[in-house]
Amino acid sequence: MSMDVHLQAFSGTEDDAHAEIRAMGWYPLASDVAPEHNEPHFHPFDSIVYIVDGVLRFHDVATGEFHVCPPGTRIDDLGENLHREDHEGYRAIVGFRDDPAVMFAGMLTKDAST
């Protein structure tokens, strides 16, 4: 599998990202991601990532593609997609099928509704 990257998929505002996620019946979570330069990995959950500030750069191991994702980009990460990140930090509103307050109990410091 691979991630689906949609450039210019939404306005790039947090309000629009929240609205799209809620319209799907999913749960939004605001996330400020620190700079990362990591090894290939995958996330054991489905998510849809809306970039609202900064630029996410990642290598999709399955396709060999290197993606540059500025604000307005939506990334559908459904399934266990092996990827490697190489970026200087970004802000995203991430949609989860399940409530992130339950998924990440004890790990979150922010309210999932923000």
PDB file of N, CA and C in Angstrom:
ATOM      1  N   MET A   1       0.830  -1.179   0.000  1.00  0.00           N
ATOM      2  CA  MET A   1       0.000   0.000   0.000  1.00  0.00           C
ATOM      3  C   MET A   1       0.872   1.238   0.000  1.00  0.00           C
ATOM      4  N   SER A   2       0.267   2.359  -0.318  1.00  0.00           N
ATOM      5  CA  SER A   2       0.972   3.631  -0.250  1.00  0.00           C
ATOM      6  C   SER A   2       0.000   4.715   0.194  1.00  0.00           C
ATOM      7  N   MET A   3       0.563   5.819   0.606  1.00  0.00           N
ATOM      8  CA  MET A   3      -0.250   6.952   1.020  1.00  0.00           C
ATOM      9  C   MET A   3      -0.710   7.717  -0.205  1.00  0.00           C
ATOM     10  N   ASP A   4      -1.931   8.263  -0.126  1.00  0.00           N
ATOM     11  CA  ASP A   4      -2.455   9.111  -1.201  1.00  0.00           C
ATOM     12  C   ASP A   4      -2.240  10.559  -0.804  1.00  0.00           C
ATOM     13  N   VAL A   5      -1.496  11.291  -1.628  1.00  0.00           N
ATOM     14  CA  VAL A   5      -1.194  12.695  -1.372  1.00  0.00           C
ATOM     15  C   VAL A   5      -2.015  13.541  -2.331  1.00  0.00           C
ATOM     16  N   HIS A   6      -2.763  14.494  -1.761  1.00  0.00           N
ATOM     17  CA  HIS A   6      -3.624  15.382  -2.549  1.00  0.00           C
ATOM     18  C   HIS A   6      -3.182  16.819  -2.296  1.00  0.00           C
ATOM     19  N   LEU A   7      -2.426  17.389  -3.247  1.00  0.00           N
ATOM     20  CA  LEU A   7      -1.990  18.775  -3.129  1.00  0.00           C
ATOM     21  C   LEU A   7      -3.176  19.699  -3.387  1.00  0.00           C
ATOM     22  N   GLN A   8      -3.200  20.843  -2.718  1.00  0.00           N
ATOM     23  CA  GLN A   8      -4.268  21.835  -2.866  1.00  0.00           C
ATOM     24  C   GLN A   8      -5.646  21.200  -2.712  1.00  0.00           C
ATOM     25  N   ALA A   9      -5.789  20.329  -1.710  1.00  0.00           N
ATOM     26  CA  ALA A   9      -7.037  19.596  -1.490  1.00  0.00           C
ATOM     27  C   ALA A   9      -8.047  20.381  -0.665  1.00  0.00           C
ATOM     28  N   PHE A  10      -7.563  21.375   0.079  1.00  0.00           N
ATOM     29  CA  PHE A  10      -8.455  22.207   0.883  1.00  0.00           C
ATOM     30  C   PHE A  10      -7.806  23.578   1.037  1.00  0.00           C
ATOM     31  N   SER A  11      -8.502  24.512   1.676  1.00  0.00           N
ATOM     32  CA  SER A  11      -8.031  25.898   1.756  1.00  0.00           C
ATOM     33  C   SER A  11      -6.750  26.077   2.548  1.00  0.00           C
ATOM     34  N   GLY A  12      -6.425  25.107   3.397  1.00  0.00           N
ATOM     35  CA  GLY A  12      -5.239  25.225   4.236  1.00  0.00           C
ATOM     36  C   GLY A  12      -5.530  25.791   5.611  1.00  0.00           C
ATOM     37  N   THR A  13      -6.802  26.107   5.899  1.00  0.00           N
ATOM     38  CA  THR A  13      -7.129  26.637   7.218  1.00  0.00           C
ATOM     39  C   THR A  13      -7.510  25.516   8.179  1.00  0.00           C
ATOM     40  N   GLU A  14      -7.269  25.761   9.448  1.00  0.00           N
ATOM     41  CA  GLU A  14      -7.619  24.776  10.463  1.00  0.00           C
ATOM     42  C   GLU A  14      -9.126  24.541  10.512  1.00  0.00           C
ATOM     43  N   ASP A  15      -9.901  25.622  10.370  1.00  0.00           N
ATOM     44  CA  ASP A  15     -11.365  25.478  10.399  1.00  0.00           C
ATOM     45  C   ASP A  15     -11.863  24.553   9.298  1.00  0.00           C
ATOM     46  N   ASP A  16     -11.320  24.707   8.091  1.00  0.00           N
ATOM     47  CA  ASP A  16     -11.748  23.838   6.986  1.00  0.00           C
ATOM     48  C   ASP A  16     -11.332  22.389   7.213  1.00  0.00           C
ATOM     49  N   ALA A  17     -10.142  22.189   7.750  1.00  0.00           N
ATOM     50  CA  ALA A  17      -9.693  20.820   8.045  1.00  0.00           C
ATOM     51  C   ALA A  17     -10.610  20.181   9.085  1.00  0.00           C
ATOM     52  N   HIS A  18     -10.911  20.915  10.150  1.00  0.00           N
ATOM     53  CA  HIS A  18     -11.830  20.400  11.174  1.00  0.00           C
ATOM     54  C   HIS A  18     -13.178  20.039  10.564  1.00  0.00           C
ATOM     55  N   ALA A  19     -13.698  20.918   9.721  1.00  0.00           N
ATOM     56  CA  ALA A  19     -15.018  20.690   9.111  1.00  0.00           C
ATOM     57  C   ALA A  19     -15.009  19.443   8.236  1.00  0.00           C
ATOM     58  N   GLU A  20     -13.966  19.265   7.435  1.00  0.00           N
ATOM     59  CA  GLU A  20     -13.902  18.088   6.564  1.00  0.00           C
ATOM     60  C   GLU A  20     -13.815  16.797   7.384  1.00  0.00           C
ATOM     61  N   ILE A  21     -13.026  16.822   8.431  1.00  0.00           N
ATOM     62  CA  ILE A  21     -12.869  15.626   9.264  1.00  0.00           C
ATOM     63  C   ILE A  21     -14.182  15.289   9.961  1.00  0.00           C
ATOM     64  N   ARG A  22     -14.834  16.290  10.520  1.00  0.00           N
ATOM     65  CA  ARG A  22     -16.106  16.046  11.203  1.00  0.00           C
ATOM     66  C   ARG A  22     -17.185  15.573  10.228  1.00  0.00           C
ATOM     67  N   ALA A  23     -17.166  16.095   8.996  1.00  0.00           N
ATOM     68  CA  ALA A  23     -18.148  15.677   7.984  1.00  0.00           C
ATOM     69  C   ALA A  23     -17.995  14.195   7.647  1.00  0.00           C
ATOM     70  N   MET A  24     -16.796  13.652   7.801  1.00  0.00           N
ATOM     71  CA  MET A  24     -16.557  12.226   7.558  1.00  0.00           C
ATOM     72  C   MET A  24     -16.971  11.375   8.759  1.00  0.00           C
ATOM     73  N   GLY A  25     -17.288  12.029   9.876  1.00  0.00           N
ATOM     74  CA  GLY A  25     -17.600  11.290  11.094  1.00  0.00           C
ATOM     75  C   GLY A  25     -16.362  10.863  11.856  1.00  0.00           C
ATOM     76  N   TRP A  26     -15.203  11.440  11.519  1.00  0.00           N
ATOM     77  CA  TRP A  26     -13.954  11.118  12.195  1.00  0.00           C
ATOM     78  C   TRP A  26     -13.684  12.159  13.285  1.00  0.00           C
ATOM     79  N   TYR A  27     -12.595  11.974  14.030  1.00  0.00           N
ATOM     80  CA  TYR A  27     -12.211  12.831  15.138  1.00  0.00           C
ATOM     81  C   TYR A  27     -10.979  13.649  14.764  1.00  0.00           C
ATOM     82  N   PRO A  28     -11.034  14.988  14.892  1.00  0.00           N
ATOM     83  CA  PRO A  28      -9.860  15.811  14.591  1.00  0.00           C
ATOM     84  C   PRO A  28      -8.946  15.988  15.798  1.00  0.00           C
ATOM     85  N   LEU A  29      -7.664  16.121  15.513  1.00  0.00           N
ATOM     86  CA  LEU A  29      -6.671  16.398  16.547  1.00  0.00           C
ATOM     87  C   LEU A  29      -5.639  17.352  15.957  1.00  0.00           C
ATOM     88  N   ALA A  30      -5.436  18.509  16.591  1.00  0.00           N
ATOM     89  CA  ALA A  30      -4.400  19.447  16.164  1.00  0.00           C
ATOM     90  C   ALA A  30      -3.048  18.908  16.633  1.00  0.00           C
ATOM     91  N   SER A  31      -2.059  18.964  15.756  1.00  0.00           N
ATOM     92  CA  SER A  31      -0.751  18.401  16.086  1.00  0.00           C
ATOM     93  C   SER A  31       0.371  19.290  15.559  1.00  0.00           C
ATOM     94  N   ASP A  32       1.235  19.745  16.467  1.00  0.00           N
ATOM     95  CA  ASP A  32       2.453  20.455  16.089  1.00  0.00           C
ATOM     96  C   ASP A  32       3.575  19.430  16.095  1.00  0.00           C
ATOM     97  N   VAL A  33       4.058  19.107  14.919  1.00  0.00           N
ATOM     98  CA  VAL A  33       5.053  18.047  14.778  1.00  0.00           C
ATOM     99  C   VAL A  33       6.448  18.667  14.735  1.00  0.00           C
ATOM    100  N   ALA A  34       7.294  18.221  15.640  1.00  0.00           N
ATOM    101  CA  ALA A  34       8.678  18.705  15.702  1.00  0.00           C
ATOM    102  C   ALA A  34       9.463  18.195  14.495  1.00  0.00           C
ATOM    103  N   PRO A  35      10.570  18.853  14.166  1.00  0.00           N
ATOM    104  CA  PRO A  35      11.405  18.362  13.068  1.00  0.00           C
ATOM    105  C   PRO A  35      11.752  16.889  13.256  1.00  0.00           C
ATOM    106  N   GLU A  36      11.718  16.149  12.148  1.00  0.00           N
ATOM    107  CA  GLU A  36      12.031  14.717  12.197  1.00  0.00           C
ATOM    108  C   GLU A  36      12.857  14.321  10.988  1.00  0.00           C
ATOM    109  N   HIS A  37      13.778  13.442  11.227  1.00  0.00           N
ATOM    110  CA  HIS A  37      14.608  12.824  10.192  1.00  0.00           C
ATOM    111  C   HIS A  37      14.755  11.379  10.665  1.00  0.00           C
ATOM    112  N   ASN A  38      13.826  10.522  10.273  1.00  0.00           N
ATOM    113  CA  ASN A  38      13.753   9.202  10.884  1.00  0.00           C
ATOM    114  C   ASN A  38      13.919   8.067   9.882  1.00  0.00           C
ATOM    115  N   GLU A  39      13.935   6.885  10.415  1.00  0.00           N
ATOM    116  CA  GLU A  39      14.058   5.657   9.625  1.00  0.00           C
ATOM    117  C   GLU A  39      12.665   5.217   9.162  1.00  0.00           C
ATOM    118  N   PRO A  40      12.588   4.340   8.169  1.00  0.00           N
ATOM    119  CA  PRO A  40      11.275   3.857   7.715  1.00  0.00           C
ATOM    120  C   PRO A  40      10.467   3.252   8.865  1.00  0.00           C
ATOM    121  N   HIS A  41       9.191   3.622   8.888  1.00  0.00           N
ATOM    122  CA  HIS A  41       8.270   3.157   9.922  1.00  0.00           C
ATOM    123  C   HIS A  41       6.847   3.262   9.391  1.00  0.00           C
ATOM    124  N   PHE A  42       5.898   2.759  10.125  1.00  0.00           N
ATOM    125  CA  PHE A  42       4.489   2.937   9.784  1.00  0.00           C
ATOM    126  C   PHE A  42       3.726   3.206  11.065  1.00  0.00           C
ATOM    127  N   HIS A  43       2.520   3.721  10.909  1.00  0.00           N
ATOM    128  CA  HIS A  43       1.655   4.000  12.043  1.00  0.00           C
ATOM    129  C   HIS A  43       0.578   2.916  12.100  1.00  0.00           C
ATOM    130  N   PRO A  44       0.323   2.349  13.267  1.00  0.00           N
ATOM    131  CA  PRO A  44      -0.632   1.239  13.383  1.00  0.00           C
ATOM    132  C   PRO A  44      -2.085   1.700  13.509  1.00  0.00           C
ATOM    133  N   PHE A  45      -2.436   2.752  12.775  1.00  0.00           N
ATOM    134  CA  PHE A  45      -3.796   3.277  12.779  1.00  0.00           C
ATOM    135  C   PHE A  45      -4.006   4.048  11.484  1.00  0.00           C
ATOM    136  N   ASP A  46      -5.254   4.220  11.090  1.00  0.00           N
ATOM    137  CA  ASP A  46      -5.592   5.016   9.917  1.00  0.00           C
ATOM    138  C   ASP A  46      -5.667   6.485  10.310  1.00  0.00           C
ATOM    139  N   SER A  47      -5.220   7.358   9.410  1.00  0.00           N
ATOM    140  CA  SER A  47      -5.334   8.794   9.654  1.00  0.00           C
ATOM    141  C   SER A  47      -5.413   9.536   8.325  1.00  0.00           C
ATOM    142  N   ILE A  48      -5.980  10.724   8.409  1.00  0.00           N
ATOM    143  CA  ILE A  48      -5.992  11.643   7.278  1.00  0.00           C
ATOM    144  C   ILE A  48      -5.391  12.937   7.795  1.00  0.00           C
ATOM    145  N   VAL A  49      -4.310  13.358   7.166  1.00  0.00           N
ATOM    146  CA  VAL A  49      -3.511  14.478   7.650  1.00  0.00           C
ATOM    147  C   VAL A  49      -3.761  15.697   6.773  1.00  0.00           C
ATOM    148  N   TYR A  50      -4.124  16.800   7.402  1.00  0.00           N
ATOM    149  CA  TYR A  50      -4.341  18.077   6.721  1.00  0.00           C
ATOM    150  C   TYR A  50      -3.230  19.028   7.152  1.00  0.00           C
ATOM    151  N   ILE A  51      -2.338  19.383   6.247  1.00  0.00           N
ATOM    152  CA  ILE A  51      -1.222  20.280   6.561  1.00  0.00           C
ATOM    153  C   ILE A  51      -1.750  21.712   6.565  1.00  0.00           C
ATOM    154  N   VAL A  52      -1.529  22.427   7.710  1.00  0.00           N
ATOM    155  CA  VAL A  52      -2.016  23.804   7.815  1.00  0.00           C
ATOM    156  C   VAL A  52      -0.888  24.818   7.974  1.00  0.00           C
ATOM    157  N   ASP A  53       0.317  24.376   8.319  1.00  0.00           N
ATOM    158  CA  ASP A  53       1.454  25.290   8.439  1.00  0.00           C
ATOM    159  C   ASP A  53       2.743  24.475   8.310  1.00  0.00           C
ATOM    160  N   GLY A  54       3.749  25.078   7.715  1.00  0.00           N
ATOM    161  CA  GLY A  54       5.007  24.370   7.513  1.00  0.00           C
ATOM    162  C   GLY A  54       4.896  23.417   6.326  1.00  0.00           C
ATOM    163  N   VAL A  55       5.916  22.598   6.157  1.00  0.00           N
ATOM    164  CA  VAL A  55       5.963  21.673   5.024  1.00  0.00           C
ATOM    165  C   VAL A  55       6.394  20.290   5.521  1.00  0.00           C
ATOM    166  N   LEU A  56       5.567  19.294   5.229  1.00  0.00           N
ATOM    167  CA  LEU A  56       5.917  17.900   5.525  1.00  0.00           C
ATOM    168  C   LEU A  56       6.612  17.325   4.295  1.00  0.00           C
ATOM    169  N   ARG A  57       7.750  16.732   4.518  1.00  0.00           N
ATOM    170  CA  ARG A  57       8.469  16.032   3.453  1.00  0.00           C
ATOM    171  C   ARG A  57       8.624  14.590   3.901  1.00  0.00           C
ATOM    172  N   PHE A  58       8.244  13.656   3.014  1.00  0.00           N
ATOM    173  CA  PHE A  58       8.403  12.253   3.377  1.00  0.00           C
ATOM    174  C   PHE A  58       8.640  11.397   2.144  1.00  0.00           C
ATOM    175  N   HIS A  59       9.273  10.257   2.380  1.00  0.00           N
ATOM    176  CA  HIS A  59       9.571   9.275   1.347  1.00  0.00           C
ATOM    177  C   HIS A  59       8.609   8.114   1.532  1.00  0.00           C
ATOM    178  N   ASP A  60       7.831   7.801   0.510  1.00  0.00           N
ATOM    179  CA  ASP A  60       6.915   6.661   0.533  1.00  0.00           C
ATOM    180  C   ASP A  60       7.712   5.451   0.055  1.00  0.00           C
ATOM    181  N   VAL A  61       7.998   4.542   0.965  1.00  0.00           N
ATOM    182  CA  VAL A  61       8.867   3.404   0.658  1.00  0.00           C
ATOM    183  C   VAL A  61       8.248   2.507  -0.414  1.00  0.00           C
ATOM    184  N   ALA A  62       6.922   2.326  -0.388  1.00  0.00           N
ATOM    185  CA  ALA A  62       6.265   1.429  -1.351  1.00  0.00           C
ATOM    186  C   ALA A  62       6.404   1.912  -2.788  1.00  0.00           C
ATOM    187  N   THR A  63       6.306   3.220  -2.998  1.00  0.00           N
ATOM    188  CA  THR A  63       6.362   3.746  -4.368  1.00  0.00           C
ATOM    189  C   THR A  63       7.720   4.320  -4.734  1.00  0.00           C
ATOM    190  N   GLY A  64       8.546   4.596  -3.718  1.00  0.00           N
ATOM    191  CA  GLY A  64       9.837   5.231  -3.962  1.00  0.00           C
ATOM    192  C   GLY A  64       9.734   6.735  -4.141  1.00  0.00           C
ATOM    193  N   GLU A  65       8.528   7.285  -4.022  1.00  0.00           N
ATOM    194  CA  GLU A  65       8.331   8.716  -4.235  1.00  0.00           C
ATOM    195  C   GLU A  65       8.695   9.526  -2.998  1.00  0.00           C
ATOM    196  N   PHE A  66       9.238  10.732  -3.244  1.00  0.00           N
ATOM    197  CA  PHE A  66       9.502  11.697  -2.180  1.00  0.00           C
ATOM    198  C   PHE A  66       8.482  12.803  -2.333  1.00  0.00           C
ATOM    199  N   HIS A  67       7.678  13.050  -1.306  1.00  0.00           N
ATOM    200  CA  HIS A  67       6.590  14.031  -1.373  1.00  0.00           C
ATOM    201  C   HIS A  67       6.945  15.285  -0.591  1.00  0.00           C
ATOM    202  N   VAL A  68       6.585  16.431  -1.156  1.00  0.00           N
ATOM    203  CA  VAL A  68       6.699  17.728  -0.503  1.00  0.00           C
ATOM    204  C   VAL A  68       5.271  18.229  -0.337  1.00  0.00           C
ATOM    205  N   CYS A  69       4.837  18.406   0.930  1.00  0.00           N
ATOM    206  CA  CYS A  69       3.442  18.671   1.245  1.00  0.00           C
ATOM    207  C   CYS A  69       3.280  19.997   1.974  1.00  0.00           C
ATOM    208  N   PRO A  70       2.968  21.086   1.251  1.00  0.00           N
ATOM    209  CA  PRO A  70       2.771  22.396   1.873  1.00  0.00           C
ATOM    210  C   PRO A  70       1.347  22.521   2.431  1.00  0.00           C
ATOM    211  N   PRO A  71       1.038  23.638   3.090  1.00  0.00           N
ATOM    212  CA  PRO A  71      -0.333  23.847   3.565  1.00  0.00           C
ATOM    213  C   PRO A  71      -1.346  23.673   2.429  1.00  0.00           C
ATOM    214  N   GLY A  72      -2.483  23.079   2.764  1.00  0.00           N
ATOM    215  CA  GLY A  72      -3.509  22.775   1.771  1.00  0.00           C
ATOM    216  C   GLY A  72      -3.445  21.337   1.286  1.00  0.00           C
ATOM    217  N   THR A  73      -2.398  20.598   1.699  1.00  0.00           N
ATOM    218  CA  THR A  73      -2.243  19.202   1.300  1.00  0.00           C
ATOM    219  C   THR A  73      -3.002  18.286   2.257  1.00  0.00           C
ATOM    220  N   ARG A  74      -3.674  17.285   1.690  1.00  0.00           N
ATOM    221  CA  ARG A  74      -4.301  16.224   2.485  1.00  0.00           C
ATOM    222  C   ARG A  74      -3.589  14.919   2.158  1.00  0.00           C
ATOM    223  N   ILE A  75      -3.237  14.159   3.186  1.00  0.00           N
ATOM    224  CA  ILE A  75      -2.555  12.873   3.017  1.00  0.00           C
ATOM    225  C   ILE A  75      -3.427  11.794   3.634  1.00  0.00           C
ATOM    226  N   ASP A  76      -3.852  10.851   2.822  1.00  0.00           N
ATOM    227  CA  ASP A  76      -4.646   9.727   3.301  1.00  0.00           C
ATOM    228  C   ASP A  76      -3.695   8.590   3.628  1.00  0.00           C
ATOM    229  N   ASP A  77      -3.544   8.327   4.918  1.00  0.00           N
ATOM    230  CA  ASP A  77      -2.639   7.273   5.391  1.00  0.00           C
ATOM    231  C   ASP A  77      -3.504   6.150   5.952  1.00  0.00           C
ATOM    232  N   LEU A  78      -4.025   5.344   5.047  1.00  0.00           N
ATOM    233  CA  LEU A  78      -4.928   4.260   5.413  1.00  0.00           C
ATOM    234  C   LEU A  78      -4.199   2.938   5.243  1.00  0.00           C
ATOM    235  N   GLY A  79      -4.062   2.209   6.315  1.00  0.00           N
ATOM    236  CA  GLY A  79      -3.271   0.984   6.282  1.00  0.00           C
ATOM    237  C   GLY A  79      -1.889   1.256   6.840  1.00  0.00           C
ATOM    238  N   GLU A  80      -1.078   0.253   6.871  1.00  0.00           N
ATOM    239  CA  GLU A  80       0.269   0.371   7.421  1.00  0.00           C
ATOM    240  C   GLU A  80       1.243   0.699   6.294  1.00  0.00           C
ATOM    241  N   ASN A  81       1.423   1.999   6.057  1.00  0.00           N
ATOM    242  CA  ASN A  81       2.233   2.485   4.947  1.00  0.00           C
ATOM    243  C   ASN A  81       3.636   2.847   5.427  1.00  0.00           C
ATOM    244  N   LEU A  82       4.614   2.109   4.931  1.00  0.00           N
ATOM    245  CA  LEU A  82       5.997   2.333   5.312  1.00  0.00           C
ATOM    246  C   LEU A  82       6.493   3.639   4.692  1.00  0.00           C
ATOM    247  N   HIS A  83       7.009   4.526   5.544  1.00  0.00           N
ATOM    248  CA  HIS A  83       7.497   5.817   5.077  1.00  0.00           C
ATOM    249  C   HIS A  83       8.617   6.303   5.994  1.00  0.00           C
ATOM    250  N   ARG A  84       9.342   7.296   5.493  1.00  0.00           N
ATOM    251  CA  ARG A  84      10.422   7.932   6.245  1.00  0.00           C
ATOM    252  C   ARG A  84      10.230   9.435   6.127  1.00  0.00           C
ATOM    253  N   GLU A  85      10.255  10.136   7.255  1.00  0.00           N
ATOM    254  CA  GLU A  85      10.050  11.583   7.263  1.00  0.00           C
ATOM    255  C   GLU A  85      11.379  12.327   7.316  1.00  0.00           C
ATOM    256  N   ASP A  86      11.409  13.477   6.642  1.00  0.00           N
ATOM    257  CA  ASP A  86      12.591  14.332   6.625  1.00  0.00           C
ATOM    258  C   ASP A  86      12.092  15.765   6.482  1.00  0.00           C
ATOM    259  N   HIS A  87      11.804  16.419   7.622  1.00  0.00           N
ATOM    260  CA  HIS A  87      11.221  17.759   7.573  1.00  0.00           C
ATOM    261  C   HIS A  87      11.668  18.584   8.771  1.00  0.00           C
ATOM    262  N   GLU A  88      11.366  19.864   8.723  1.00  0.00           N
ATOM    263  CA  GLU A  88      11.758  20.797   9.779  1.00  0.00           C
ATOM    264  C   GLU A  88      10.593  21.172  10.682  1.00  0.00           C
ATOM    265  N   GLY A  89       9.533  20.390  10.670  1.00  0.00           N
ATOM    266  CA  GLY A  89       8.376  20.630  11.522  1.00  0.00           C
ATOM    267  C   GLY A  89       7.206  21.188  10.735  1.00  0.00           C
ATOM    268  N   TYR A  90       6.021  20.915  11.213  1.00  0.00           N
ATOM    269  CA  TYR A  90       4.801  21.403  10.572  1.00  0.00           C
ATOM    270  C   TYR A  90       3.649  21.310  11.557  1.00  0.00           C
ATOM    271  N   ARG A  91       2.541  21.950  11.209  1.00  0.00           N
ATOM    272  CA  ARG A  91       1.308  21.845  11.991  1.00  0.00           C
ATOM    273  C   ARG A  91       0.265  21.182  11.105  1.00  0.00           C
ATOM    274  N   ALA A  92      -0.463  20.250  11.696  1.00  0.00           N
ATOM    275  CA  ALA A  92      -1.498  19.534  10.950  1.00  0.00           C
ATOM    276  C   ALA A  92      -2.725  19.348  11.822  1.00  0.00           C
ATOM    277  N   ILE A  93      -3.853  19.204  11.161  1.00  0.00           N
ATOM    278  CA  ILE A  93      -5.063  18.717  11.807  1.00  0.00           C
ATOM    279  C   ILE A  93      -5.201  17.294  11.278  1.00  0.00           C
ATOM    280  N   VAL A  94      -5.187  16.344  12.194  1.00  0.00           N
ATOM    281  CA  VAL A  94      -5.194  14.934  11.811  1.00  0.00           C
ATOM    282  C   VAL A  94      -6.548  14.340  12.155  1.00  0.00           C
ATOM    283  N   GLY A  95      -7.127  13.646  11.182  1.00  0.00           N
ATOM    284  CA  GLY A  95      -8.392  12.964  11.403  1.00  0.00           C
ATOM    285  C   GLY A  95      -8.161  11.502  11.718  1.00  0.00           C
ATOM    286  N   PHE A  96      -8.828  11.023  12.762  1.00  0.00           N
ATOM    287  CA  PHE A  96      -8.753   9.626  13.171  1.00  0.00           C
ATOM    288  C   PHE A  96     -10.146   9.012  13.156  1.00  0.00           C
ATOM    289  N   ARG A  97     -10.242   7.788  12.702  1.00  0.00           N
ATOM    290  CA  ARG A  97     -11.509   7.061  12.696  1.00  0.00           C
ATOM    291  C   ARG A  97     -12.008   6.848  14.129  1.00  0.00           C
ATOM    292  N   ASP A  98     -11.074   6.562  15.037  1.00  0.00           N
ATOM    293  CA  ASP A  98     -11.395   6.354  16.446  1.00  0.00           C
ATOM    294  C   ASP A  98     -10.972   7.577  17.252  1.00  0.00           C
ATOM    295  N   ASP A  99     -11.599   7.767  18.388  1.00  0.00           N
ATOM    296  CA  ASP A  99     -11.322   8.913  19.243  1.00  0.00           C
ATOM    297  C   ASP A  99      -9.863   8.893  19.700  1.00  0.00           C
ATOM    298  N   PRO A 100      -9.068   9.931  19.348  1.00  0.00           N
ATOM    299  CA  PRO A 100      -7.652   9.934  19.737  1.00  0.00           C
ATOM    300  C   PRO A 100      -7.462  10.005  21.253  1.00  0.00           C
ATOM    301  N   ALA A 101      -8.429  10.535  21.984  1.00  0.00           N
ATOM    302  CA  ALA A 101      -8.315  10.575  23.441  1.00  0.00           C
ATOM    303  C   ALA A 101      -8.297   9.157  24.012  1.00  0.00           C
ATOM    304  N   VAL A 102      -8.952   8.233  23.335  1.00  0.00           N
ATOM    305  CA  VAL A 102      -8.943   6.835  23.746  1.00  0.00           C
ATOM    306  C   VAL A 102      -7.721   6.126  23.159  1.00  0.00           C
ATOM    307  N   MET A 103      -7.447   6.365  21.867  1.00  0.00           N
ATOM    308  CA  MET A 103      -6.318   5.716  21.194  1.00  0.00           C
ATOM    309  C   MET A 103      -4.987   6.008  21.881  1.00  0.00           C
ATOM    310  N   PHE A 104      -4.812   7.260  22.283  1.00  0.00           N
ATOM    311  CA  PHE A 104      -3.532   7.699  22.841  1.00  0.00           C
ATOM    312  C   PHE A 104      -3.666   8.071  24.312  1.00  0.00           C
ATOM    313  N   ALA A 105      -4.529   7.420  25.023  1.00  0.00           N
ATOM    314  CA  ALA A 105      -4.763   7.721  26.440  1.00  0.00           C
ATOM    315  C   ALA A 105      -3.438   7.806  27.192  1.00  0.00           C
ATOM    316  N   GLY A 106      -3.285   8.890  27.924  1.00  0.00           N
ATOM    317  CA  GLY A 106      -2.062   9.078  28.700  1.00  0.00           C
ATOM    318  C   GLY A 106      -0.933   9.747  27.935  1.00  0.00           C
ATOM    319  N   MET A 107      -1.035   9.800  26.603  1.00  0.00           N
ATOM    320  CA  MET A 107       0.041  10.393  25.802  1.00  0.00           C
ATOM    321  C   MET A 107      -0.287  11.816  25.381  1.00  0.00           C
ATOM    322  N   LEU A 108      -1.565  12.188  25.304  1.00  0.00           N
ATOM    323  CA  LEU A 108      -1.961  13.499  24.805  1.00  0.00           C
ATOM    324  C   LEU A 108      -1.932  14.549  25.905  1.00  0.00           C
ATOM    325  N   THR A 109      -1.481  15.739  25.542  1.00  0.00           N
ATOM    326  CA  THR A 109      -1.500  16.846  26.475  1.00  0.00           C
ATOM    327  C   THR A 109      -2.535  17.878  26.091  1.00  0.00           C
ATOM    328  N   LYS A 110      -3.114  17.756  24.895  1.00  0.00           N
ATOM    329  CA  LYS A 110      -4.107  18.707  24.411  1.00  0.00           C
ATOM    330  C   LYS A 110      -5.447  18.021  24.285  1.00  0.00           C
ATOM    331  N   ASP A 111      -6.497  18.804  24.349  1.00  0.00           N
ATOM    332  CA  ASP A 111      -7.845  18.310  24.142  1.00  0.00           C
ATOM    333  C   ASP A 111      -7.994  17.949  22.667  1.00  0.00           C
ATOM    334  N   ALA A 112      -8.523  16.780  22.374  1.00  0.00           N
ATOM    335  CA  ALA A 112      -8.669  16.304  20.993  1.00  0.00           C
ATOM    336  C   ALA A 112      -9.631  17.147  20.200  1.00  0.00           C
ATOM    337  N   SER A 113     -10.440  17.973  20.833  1.00  0.00           N
ATOM    338  CA  SER A 113     -11.411  18.775  20.093  1.00  0.00           C
ATOM    339  C   SER A 113     -10.851  20.095  19.636  1.00  0.00           C
ATOM    340  N   THR A 114      -9.606  20.417  19.950  1.00  0.00           N
ATOM    341  CA  THR A 114      -9.028  21.724  19.560  1.00  0.00           C
ATOM    342  C   THR A 114      -8.488  21.660  18.169  1.00  0.00           C
TER     343      THR A 114
END
